[in-house]
Amino acid sequence: MLDLDADVLRDFHREVITWAGSLTAARPLIVDVGAGTGTGSLALARHLPDAAVTAVDVDPAMLDHVRDRAAALGLADRIRTVEADLDRPWPDLGAADLVWAAASMHHMADPAHALAQALAALRPGGVMVITELESFPRFLPDGPGADLEARCHAETGRIRVEAGMHMDEDWAKRLAEAGFEGVAERRFDIALTGPLPPAAGRYAEVSLQRMRHGLADRLSEDDLAALAALADSVRDRDDLIVRTVRTVWAARRPA
């Protein structure tokens, strides 16, 4: 899903990467926390050809994926991986010029601890960039399918709250409390209409399948059947849209 998100929302990701790159030093050391499949690490390395990137994640399978993709793109010499639980004290990652956290901060058990660790990992004057999402995109135009999709997103949101995820954090306030300065915030209201890239249909399919799996014990049998039918048919639709909201925060460690 993360790879499909980067493909379908490429203009958004390009704009944020460009902004982040404009805020950091020449030849930066970048730490990608909660790197997942490495979409951020790879994009940063491509956009900043003099950068060295450290991708950090708790999941060794994700880091295998990052290394494979870096090798395939000829970036293996500039992207290293570190396996670490970011809810514990962070390992020595070097003095970073940019700490990049894309859709990872809401997973942290203790955001204050994570931000304190990020501040300590940065050089004086270094930048932290946080990107968060209200949810994964919605794809269906108005009608019964869109109503079901909206109810599924609402139920998924309740599950995240129950799991203790920090989806509605005021990250500007959190950054300031952690000791960062010059906090900047940008909100992106994304609404893409056709013609969409080919990956959009696949992204819609995977998203609906993932929701059906995650909500198997929370939806009625009728809703589950309708969701399965949507997932089976959505890739071939030509009326898909992509609607999502992303917010990005950037702040510096005091010099």
C-alpha atoms as a PDB file:
ATOM      1  CA  MET A   1       0.000   0.000   0.000  1.00  0.00           C
ATOM      2  CA  LEU A   2       2.813   2.415   0.807  1.00  0.00           C
ATOM      3  CA  ASP A   3       4.429   1.830  -2.573  1.00  0.00           C
ATOM      4  CA  LEU A   4       1.092   2.322  -4.349  1.00  0.00           C
ATOM      5  CA  ASP A   5       0.458   5.483  -2.323  1.00  0.00           C
ATOM      6  CA  ALA A   6       3.787   6.909  -3.459  1.00  0.00           C
ATOM      7  CA  ASP A   7       2.965   6.064  -7.073  1.00  0.00           C
ATOM      8  CA  VAL A   8      -0.594   7.413  -7.155  1.00  0.00           C
ATOM      9  CA  LEU A   9       0.168  10.531  -5.069  1.00  0.00           C
ATOM     10  CA  ARG A  10       3.491  11.177  -6.731  1.00  0.00           C
ATOM     11  CA  ASP A  11       2.921  14.943  -7.132  1.00  0.00           C
ATOM     12  CA  PHE A  12       2.213  15.332  -3.415  1.00  0.00           C
ATOM     13  CA  HIS A  13       5.227  13.252  -2.441  1.00  0.00           C
ATOM     14  CA  ARG A  14       7.455  15.149  -4.870  1.00  0.00           C
ATOM     15  CA  GLU A  15       6.365  18.497  -3.430  1.00  0.00           C
ATOM     16  CA  VAL A  16       6.995  17.424   0.156  1.00  0.00           C
ATOM     17  CA  ILE A  17      10.370  15.874  -0.688  1.00  0.00           C
ATOM     18  CA  THR A  18      11.378  19.055  -2.513  1.00  0.00           C
ATOM     19  CA  TRP A  19      10.333  21.174   0.470  1.00  0.00           C
ATOM     20  CA  ALA A  20      12.242  18.957   2.898  1.00  0.00           C
ATOM     21  CA  GLY A  21      15.308  19.080   0.683  1.00  0.00           C
ATOM     22  CA  SER A  22      15.199  22.867   0.595  1.00  0.00           C
ATOM     23  CA  LEU A  23      15.348  22.988   4.391  1.00  0.00           C
ATOM     24  CA  THR A  24      18.394  20.831   4.941  1.00  0.00           C
ATOM     25  CA  ALA A  25      22.121  21.277   4.608  1.00  0.00           C
ATOM     26  CA  ALA A  26      24.331  20.325   1.688  1.00  0.00           C
ATOM     27  CA  ARG A  27      25.413  16.662   1.689  1.00  0.00           C
ATOM     28  CA  PRO A  28      22.918  15.832   4.436  1.00  0.00           C
ATOM     29  CA  LEU A  29      22.694  12.766   6.620  1.00  0.00           C
ATOM     30  CA  ILE A  30      19.028  11.790   6.639  1.00  0.00           C
ATOM     31  CA  VAL A  31      17.381   9.436   9.120  1.00  0.00           C
ATOM     32  CA  ASP A  32      14.077   7.944   7.942  1.00  0.00           C
ATOM     33  CA  VAL A  33      12.278   6.753  11.100  1.00  0.00           C
ATOM     34  CA  GLY A  34       9.669   4.068  10.607  1.00  0.00           C
ATOM     35  CA  ALA A  35      10.918   3.699   7.047  1.00  0.00           C
ATOM     36  CA  GLY A  36       8.513   0.902   6.086  1.00  0.00           C
ATOM     37  CA  THR A  37       9.047  -0.104   2.465  1.00  0.00           C
ATOM     38  CA  GLY A  38      11.506   2.749   1.963  1.00  0.00           C
ATOM     39  CA  THR A  39       9.480   5.027  -0.282  1.00  0.00           C
ATOM     40  CA  GLY A  40      10.721   8.078   1.620  1.00  0.00           C
ATOM     41  CA  SER A  41      14.321   6.875   1.834  1.00  0.00           C
ATOM     42  CA  LEU A  42      14.484   6.175  -1.889  1.00  0.00           C
ATOM     43  CA  ALA A  43      12.774   9.417  -2.898  1.00  0.00           C
ATOM     44  CA  LEU A  44      15.048  11.483  -0.668  1.00  0.00           C
ATOM     45  CA  ALA A  45      18.149   9.745  -2.011  1.00  0.00           C
ATOM     46  CA  ARG A  46      17.048  10.364  -5.608  1.00  0.00           C
ATOM     47  CA  HIS A  47      16.133  14.006  -5.020  1.00  0.00           C
ATOM     48  CA  LEU A  48      19.291  14.772  -3.004  1.00  0.00           C
ATOM     49  CA  PRO A  49      22.115  12.993  -4.832  1.00  0.00           C
ATOM     50  CA  ASP A  50      24.690  14.020  -2.216  1.00  0.00           C
ATOM     51  CA  ALA A  51      22.616  12.697   0.705  1.00  0.00           C
ATOM     52  CA  ALA A  52      23.282   9.597   2.788  1.00  0.00           C
ATOM     53  CA  VAL A  53      20.120   7.974   4.151  1.00  0.00           C
ATOM     54  CA  THR A  54      19.644   5.693   7.149  1.00  0.00           C
ATOM     55  CA  ALA A  55      16.348   3.788   7.019  1.00  0.00           C
ATOM     56  CA  VAL A  56      15.198   2.680  10.486  1.00  0.00           C
ATOM     57  CA  ASP A  57      12.402   0.199  11.104  1.00  0.00           C
ATOM     58  CA  VAL A  58      11.495  -2.527  13.591  1.00  0.00           C
ATOM     59  CA  ASP A  59      10.505  -4.998  10.859  1.00  0.00           C
ATOM     60  CA  PRO A  60      13.427  -6.860   9.263  1.00  0.00           C
ATOM     61  CA  ALA A  61      11.279  -7.872   6.278  1.00  0.00           C
ATOM     62  CA  MET A  62      10.618  -4.209   5.521  1.00  0.00           C
ATOM     63  CA  LEU A  63      14.335  -3.475   5.703  1.00  0.00           C
ATOM     64  CA  ASP A  64      15.067  -6.365   3.336  1.00  0.00           C
ATOM     65  CA  HIS A  65      12.643  -4.728   0.920  1.00  0.00           C
ATOM     66  CA  VAL A  66      14.400  -1.365   1.310  1.00  0.00           C
ATOM     67  CA  ARG A  67      17.795  -2.911   0.570  1.00  0.00           C
ATOM     68  CA  ASP A  68      16.478  -4.784  -2.468  1.00  0.00           C
ATOM     69  CA  ARG A  69      14.876  -1.662  -3.915  1.00  0.00           C
ATOM     70  CA  ALA A  70      17.959   0.456  -3.192  1.00  0.00           C
ATOM     71  CA  ALA A  71      20.154  -2.069  -4.989  1.00  0.00           C
ATOM     72  CA  ALA A  72      17.786  -2.201  -7.976  1.00  0.00           C
ATOM     73  CA  LEU A  73      17.898   1.588  -8.269  1.00  0.00           C
ATOM     74  CA  GLY A  74      21.663   1.851  -7.870  1.00  0.00           C
ATOM     75  CA  LEU A  75      21.358   3.518  -4.464  1.00  0.00           C
ATOM     76  CA  ALA A  76      22.762   0.771  -2.236  1.00  0.00           C
ATOM     77  CA  ASP A  77      25.912   2.773  -1.491  1.00  0.00           C
ATOM     78  CA  ARG A  78      23.881   5.687  -0.092  1.00  0.00           C
ATOM     79  CA  ILE A  79      21.101   3.926   1.834  1.00  0.00           C
ATOM     80  CA  ARG A  80      21.844   1.837   4.897  1.00  0.00           C
ATOM     81  CA  THR A  81      19.294   0.117   7.106  1.00  0.00           C
ATOM     82  CA  VAL A  82      19.080  -0.160  10.887  1.00  0.00           C
ATOM     83  CA  GLU A  83      16.687  -2.472  12.710  1.00  0.00           C
ATOM     84  CA  ALA A  84      15.450  -0.756  15.871  1.00  0.00           C
ATOM     85  CA  ASP A  85      12.381  -0.435  18.078  1.00  0.00           C
ATOM     86  CA  LEU A  86      11.785   3.314  18.092  1.00  0.00           C
ATOM     87  CA  ASP A  87       9.706   3.063  21.263  1.00  0.00           C
ATOM     88  CA  ARG A  88      12.944   2.242  23.079  1.00  0.00           C
ATOM     89  CA  PRO A  89      16.107   4.393  23.291  1.00  0.00           C
ATOM     90  CA  TRP A  90      17.297   4.978  19.751  1.00  0.00           C
ATOM     91  CA  PRO A  91      20.656   3.573  18.642  1.00  0.00           C
ATOM     92  CA  ASP A  92      23.439   5.907  17.581  1.00  0.00           C
ATOM     93  CA  LEU A  93      22.413   6.869  14.058  1.00  0.00           C
ATOM     94  CA  GLY A  94      24.998   9.591  13.533  1.00  0.00           C
ATOM     95  CA  ALA A  95      24.406  13.327  13.725  1.00  0.00           C
ATOM     96  CA  ALA A  96      21.463  13.823  11.351  1.00  0.00           C
ATOM     97  CA  ASP A  97      20.698  16.900   9.291  1.00  0.00           C
ATOM     98  CA  LEU A  98      17.140  15.708   8.615  1.00  0.00           C
ATOM     99  CA  VAL A  99      14.898  13.333  10.540  1.00  0.00           C
ATOM    100  CA  TRP A 100      12.091  12.200   8.243  1.00  0.00           C
ATOM    101  CA  ALA A 101       8.940  10.641   9.746  1.00  0.00           C
ATOM    102  CA  ALA A 102       6.300   9.839   7.120  1.00  0.00           C
ATOM    103  CA  ALA A 103       3.116   8.276   8.529  1.00  0.00           C
ATOM    104  CA  SER A 104       5.137   6.765  11.356  1.00  0.00           C
ATOM    105  CA  MET A 105       4.732   9.079  14.343  1.00  0.00           C
ATOM    106  CA  HIS A 106       1.159   7.984  15.020  1.00  0.00           C
ATOM    107  CA  HIS A 107       2.497   4.471  15.645  1.00  0.00           C
ATOM    108  CA  MET A 108       4.826   5.574  18.459  1.00  0.00           C
ATOM    109  CA  ALA A 109       3.768   4.422  21.916  1.00  0.00           C
ATOM    110  CA  ASP A 110       5.037   7.676  23.473  1.00  0.00           C
ATOM    111  CA  PRO A 111       5.242  10.605  21.021  1.00  0.00           C
ATOM    112  CA  ALA A 112       7.072  12.798  23.542  1.00  0.00           C
ATOM    113  CA  HIS A 113       9.796  10.156  23.900  1.00  0.00           C
ATOM    114  CA  ALA A 114      10.101   9.773  20.116  1.00  0.00           C
ATOM    115  CA  LEU A 115      10.380  13.519  19.561  1.00  0.00           C
ATOM    116  CA  ALA A 116      12.990  13.838  22.309  1.00  0.00           C
ATOM    117  CA  GLN A 117      14.997  11.080  20.636  1.00  0.00           C
ATOM    118  CA  ALA A 118      14.645  12.795  17.253  1.00  0.00           C
ATOM    119  CA  LEU A 119      15.815  16.110  18.706  1.00  0.00           C
ATOM    120  CA  ALA A 120      18.860  14.411  20.211  1.00  0.00           C
ATOM    121  CA  ALA A 121      19.636  12.691  16.886  1.00  0.00           C
ATOM    122  CA  LEU A 122      19.774  15.997  14.990  1.00  0.00           C
ATOM    123  CA  ARG A 123      22.701  18.336  14.613  1.00  0.00           C
ATOM    124  CA  PRO A 124      22.060  21.855  15.964  1.00  0.00           C
ATOM    125  CA  GLY A 125      19.986  23.550  13.264  1.00  0.00           C
ATOM    126  CA  GLY A 126      18.881  20.203  11.842  1.00  0.00           C
ATOM    127  CA  VAL A 127      15.302  19.690  10.678  1.00  0.00           C
ATOM    128  CA  MET A 128      12.564  17.216  11.512  1.00  0.00           C
ATOM    129  CA  VAL A 129       9.769  16.675   8.985  1.00  0.00           C
ATOM    130  CA  ILE A 130       6.599  14.836  10.009  1.00  0.00           C
ATOM    131  CA  THR A 131       3.954  13.769   7.512  1.00  0.00           C
ATOM    132  CA  GLU A 132       0.651  12.386   8.790  1.00  0.00           C
ATOM    133  CA  LEU A 133      -2.594  11.310   7.166  1.00  0.00           C
ATOM    134  CA  GLU A 134      -6.207  11.432   8.269  1.00  0.00           C
ATOM    135  CA  SER A 135      -6.713   8.099   6.517  1.00  0.00           C
ATOM    136  CA  PHE A 136      -5.741   6.278   3.375  1.00  0.00           C
ATOM    137  CA  PRO A 137      -7.518   7.641   0.299  1.00  0.00           C
ATOM    138  CA  ARG A 138     -11.148   7.187  -0.654  1.00  0.00           C
ATOM    139  CA  PHE A 139     -11.700   6.119  -4.223  1.00  0.00           C
ATOM    140  CA  LEU A 140     -15.402   5.734  -4.993  1.00  0.00           C
ATOM    141  CA  PRO A 141     -17.647   8.441  -6.492  1.00  0.00           C
ATOM    142  CA  ASP A 142     -20.905   9.392  -4.805  1.00  0.00           C
ATOM    143  CA  GLY A 143     -23.344   6.531  -4.424  1.00  0.00           C
ATOM    144  CA  PRO A 144     -23.882   3.357  -2.369  1.00  0.00           C
ATOM    145  CA  GLY A 145     -20.284   2.249  -2.747  1.00  0.00           C
ATOM    146  CA  ALA A 146     -19.015   5.573  -1.436  1.00  0.00           C
ATOM    147  CA  ASP A 147     -21.369   5.351   1.543  1.00  0.00           C
ATOM    148  CA  LEU A 148     -20.007   1.912   2.433  1.00  0.00           C
ATOM    149  CA  GLU A 149     -16.441   3.093   1.924  1.00  0.00           C
ATOM    150  CA  ALA A 150     -17.059   6.055   4.248  1.00  0.00           C
ATOM    151  CA  ARG A 151     -18.520   3.810   6.961  1.00  0.00           C
ATOM    152  CA  CYS A 152     -15.531   1.490   6.656  1.00  0.00           C
ATOM    153  CA  HIS A 153     -13.120   4.390   7.056  1.00  0.00           C
ATOM    154  CA  ALA A 154     -15.027   5.568  10.137  1.00  0.00           C
ATOM    155  CA  GLU A 155     -14.878   2.107  11.685  1.00  0.00           C
ATOM    156  CA  THR A 156     -11.183   1.795  10.863  1.00  0.00           C
ATOM    157  CA  GLY A 157     -10.657   5.141  12.589  1.00  0.00           C
ATOM    158  CA  ARG A 158     -12.334   3.814  15.717  1.00  0.00           C
ATOM    159  CA  ILE A 159     -10.050   0.781  15.665  1.00  0.00           C
ATOM    160  CA  ARG A 160      -7.000   3.054  15.507  1.00  0.00           C
ATOM    161  CA  VAL A 161      -8.249   5.008  18.521  1.00  0.00           C
ATOM    162  CA  GLU A 162      -8.881   1.804  20.443  1.00  0.00           C
ATOM    163  CA  ALA A 163      -5.361   0.633  19.581  1.00  0.00           C
ATOM    164  CA  GLY A 164      -3.895   3.828  21.023  1.00  0.00           C
ATOM    165  CA  MET A 165      -2.625   5.264  17.740  1.00  0.00           C
ATOM    166  CA  HIS A 166      -1.965   8.992  17.810  1.00  0.00           C
ATOM    167  CA  MET A 167      -3.952   9.946  14.708  1.00  0.00           C
ATOM    168  CA  ASP A 168      -5.223  13.319  15.927  1.00  0.00           C
ATOM    169  CA  GLU A 169      -2.122  14.652  17.652  1.00  0.00           C
ATOM    170  CA  ASP A 170      -1.304  18.336  17.471  1.00  0.00           C
ATOM    171  CA  TRP A 171       2.190  17.775  16.138  1.00  0.00           C
ATOM    172  CA  ALA A 172       2.983  21.487  16.005  1.00  0.00           C
ATOM    173  CA  LYS A 173       2.373  21.675  19.749  1.00  0.00           C
ATOM    174  CA  ARG A 174       4.234  18.429  20.347  1.00  0.00           C
ATOM    175  CA  LEU A 175       7.270  19.651  18.411  1.00  0.00           C
ATOM    176  CA  ALA A 176       7.378  22.916  20.343  1.00  0.00           C
ATOM    177  CA  GLU A 177       7.039  21.090  23.668  1.00  0.00           C
ATOM    178  CA  ALA A 178       9.927  18.812  22.697  1.00  0.00           C
ATOM    179  CA  GLY A 179      12.216  21.818  22.165  1.00  0.00           C
ATOM    180  CA  PHE A 180      11.987  22.343  18.409  1.00  0.00           C
ATOM    181  CA  GLU A 181      11.633  25.846  17.011  1.00  0.00           C
ATOM    182  CA  GLY A 182      10.282  27.517  13.881  1.00  0.00           C
ATOM    183  CA  VAL A 183       7.475  25.013  13.424  1.00  0.00           C
ATOM    184  CA  ALA A 184       5.873  25.254   9.968  1.00  0.00           C
ATOM    185  CA  GLU A 185       2.698  23.431   8.970  1.00  0.00           C
ATOM    186  CA  ARG A 186       1.238  22.681   5.527  1.00  0.00           C
ATOM    187  CA  ARG A 187      -2.049  20.931   4.808  1.00  0.00           C
ATOM    188  CA  PHE A 188      -2.677  19.177   1.501  1.00  0.00           C
ATOM    189  CA  ASP A 189      -6.293  18.530   0.481  1.00  0.00           C
ATOM    190  CA  ILE A 190      -5.803  16.058  -2.341  1.00  0.00           C
ATOM    191  CA  ALA A 191      -8.567  15.341  -4.854  1.00  0.00           C
ATOM    192  CA  LEU A 192      -7.504  13.576  -8.036  1.00  0.00           C
ATOM    193  CA  THR A 193      -9.888  12.858 -10.887  1.00  0.00           C
ATOM    194  CA  GLY A 194      -9.441  10.961 -14.138  1.00  0.00           C
ATOM    195  CA  PRO A 195      -7.486  10.110 -16.020  1.00  0.00           C
ATOM    196  CA  LEU A 196      -5.710   8.468 -13.083  1.00  0.00           C
ATOM    197  CA  PRO A 197      -2.456   6.494 -13.267  1.00  0.00           C
ATOM    198  CA  PRO A 198      -2.866   2.733 -13.721  1.00  0.00           C
ATOM    199  CA  ALA A 199      -1.758   2.154 -10.141  1.00  0.00           C
ATOM    200  CA  ALA A 200      -4.895   3.898  -8.834  1.00  0.00           C
ATOM    201  CA  GLY A 201      -7.135   0.923  -9.578  1.00  0.00           C
ATOM    202  CA  ARG A 202      -4.725  -1.447  -7.896  1.00  0.00           C
ATOM    203  CA  TYR A 203      -4.442   0.899  -4.902  1.00  0.00           C
ATOM    204  CA  ALA A 204      -8.241   1.016  -4.580  1.00  0.00           C
ATOM    205  CA  GLU A 205      -8.432  -2.773  -4.799  1.00  0.00           C
ATOM    206  CA  VAL A 206      -5.766  -3.335  -2.150  1.00  0.00           C
ATOM    207  CA  SER A 207      -7.282  -0.692   0.145  1.00  0.00           C
ATOM    208  CA  LEU A 208     -10.748  -2.241   0.014  1.00  0.00           C
ATOM    209  CA  GLN A 209      -9.360  -5.744   0.516  1.00  0.00           C
ATOM    210  CA  ARG A 210      -7.358  -4.533   3.498  1.00  0.00           C
ATOM    211  CA  MET A 211     -10.414  -2.888   5.046  1.00  0.00           C
ATOM    212  CA  ARG A 212     -12.477  -6.038   4.545  1.00  0.00           C
ATOM    213  CA  HIS A 213      -9.839  -8.110   6.315  1.00  0.00           C
ATOM    214  CA  GLY A 214      -9.448  -5.611   9.159  1.00  0.00           C
ATOM    215  CA  LEU A 215     -13.194  -5.200   9.690  1.00  0.00           C
ATOM    216  CA  ALA A 216     -14.194  -8.860   9.348  1.00  0.00           C
ATOM    217  CA  ASP A 217     -15.547  -8.979  12.917  1.00  0.00           C
ATOM    218  CA  ARG A 218     -17.064  -5.479  12.898  1.00  0.00           C
ATOM    219  CA  LEU A 219     -19.235  -5.336   9.772  1.00  0.00           C
ATOM    220  CA  SER A 220     -22.439  -7.136   8.916  1.00  0.00           C
ATOM    221  CA  GLU A 221     -22.327 -10.057   6.501  1.00  0.00           C
ATOM    222  CA  ASP A 222     -24.099  -7.913   3.906  1.00  0.00           C
ATOM    223  CA  ASP A 223     -21.517  -5.152   4.213  1.00  0.00           C
ATOM    224  CA  LEU A 224     -18.647  -7.621   4.019  1.00  0.00           C
ATOM    225  CA  ALA A 225     -20.118  -9.165   0.869  1.00  0.00           C
ATOM    226  CA  ALA A 226     -20.642  -5.731  -0.694  1.00  0.00           C
ATOM    227  CA  LEU A 227     -17.094  -4.722   0.188  1.00  0.00           C
ATOM    228  CA  ALA A 228     -15.728  -7.910  -1.373  1.00  0.00           C
ATOM    229  CA  ALA A 229     -17.702  -7.223  -4.546  1.00  0.00           C
ATOM    230  CA  LEU A 230     -16.357  -3.668  -4.713  1.00  0.00           C
ATOM    231  CA  ALA A 231     -12.781  -4.882  -4.244  1.00  0.00           C
ATOM    232  CA  ASP A 232     -13.224  -7.433  -7.031  1.00  0.00           C
ATOM    233  CA  SER A 233     -14.540  -4.888  -9.513  1.00  0.00           C
ATOM    234  CA  VAL A 234     -12.867  -1.605  -8.667  1.00  0.00           C
ATOM    235  CA  ARG A 235      -9.676  -2.064 -10.684  1.00  0.00           C
ATOM    236  CA  ASP A 236     -11.594  -1.930 -13.966  1.00  0.00           C
ATOM    237  CA  ARG A 237     -13.649   1.179 -13.157  1.00  0.00           C
ATOM    238  CA  ASP A 238     -12.985   4.401 -15.041  1.00  0.00           C
ATOM    239  CA  ASP A 239     -14.805   6.689 -12.582  1.00  0.00           C
ATOM    240  CA  LEU A 240     -12.438   6.388  -9.641  1.00  0.00           C
ATOM    241  CA  ILE A 241     -11.281   9.441  -7.728  1.00  0.00           C
ATOM    242  CA  VAL A 242      -8.607   9.830  -5.063  1.00  0.00           C
ATOM    243  CA  ARG A 243      -9.459  11.936  -2.009  1.00  0.00           C
ATOM    244  CA  THR A 244      -7.227  12.255   1.023  1.00  0.00           C
ATOM    245  CA  VAL A 245      -5.789  14.826   3.412  1.00  0.00           C
ATOM    246  CA  ARG A 246      -2.140  14.955   4.402  1.00  0.00           C
ATOM    247  CA  THR A 247      -0.490  17.386   6.810  1.00  0.00           C
ATOM    248  CA  VAL A 248       3.235  18.083   6.992  1.00  0.00           C
ATOM    249  CA  TRP A 249       5.144  19.756   9.815  1.00  0.00           C
ATOM    250  CA  ALA A 250       8.755  20.935   9.735  1.00  0.00           C
ATOM    251  CA  ALA A 251      10.764  22.252  12.693  1.00  0.00           C
ATOM    252  CA  ARG A 252      14.404  22.790  13.632  1.00  0.00           C
ATOM    253  CA  ARG A 253      16.598  21.836  16.536  1.00  0.00           C
ATOM    254  CA  PRO A 254      17.808  25.158  17.964  1.00  0.00           C
ATOM    255  CA  ALA A 255      21.240  26.124  16.717  1.00  0.00           C
END
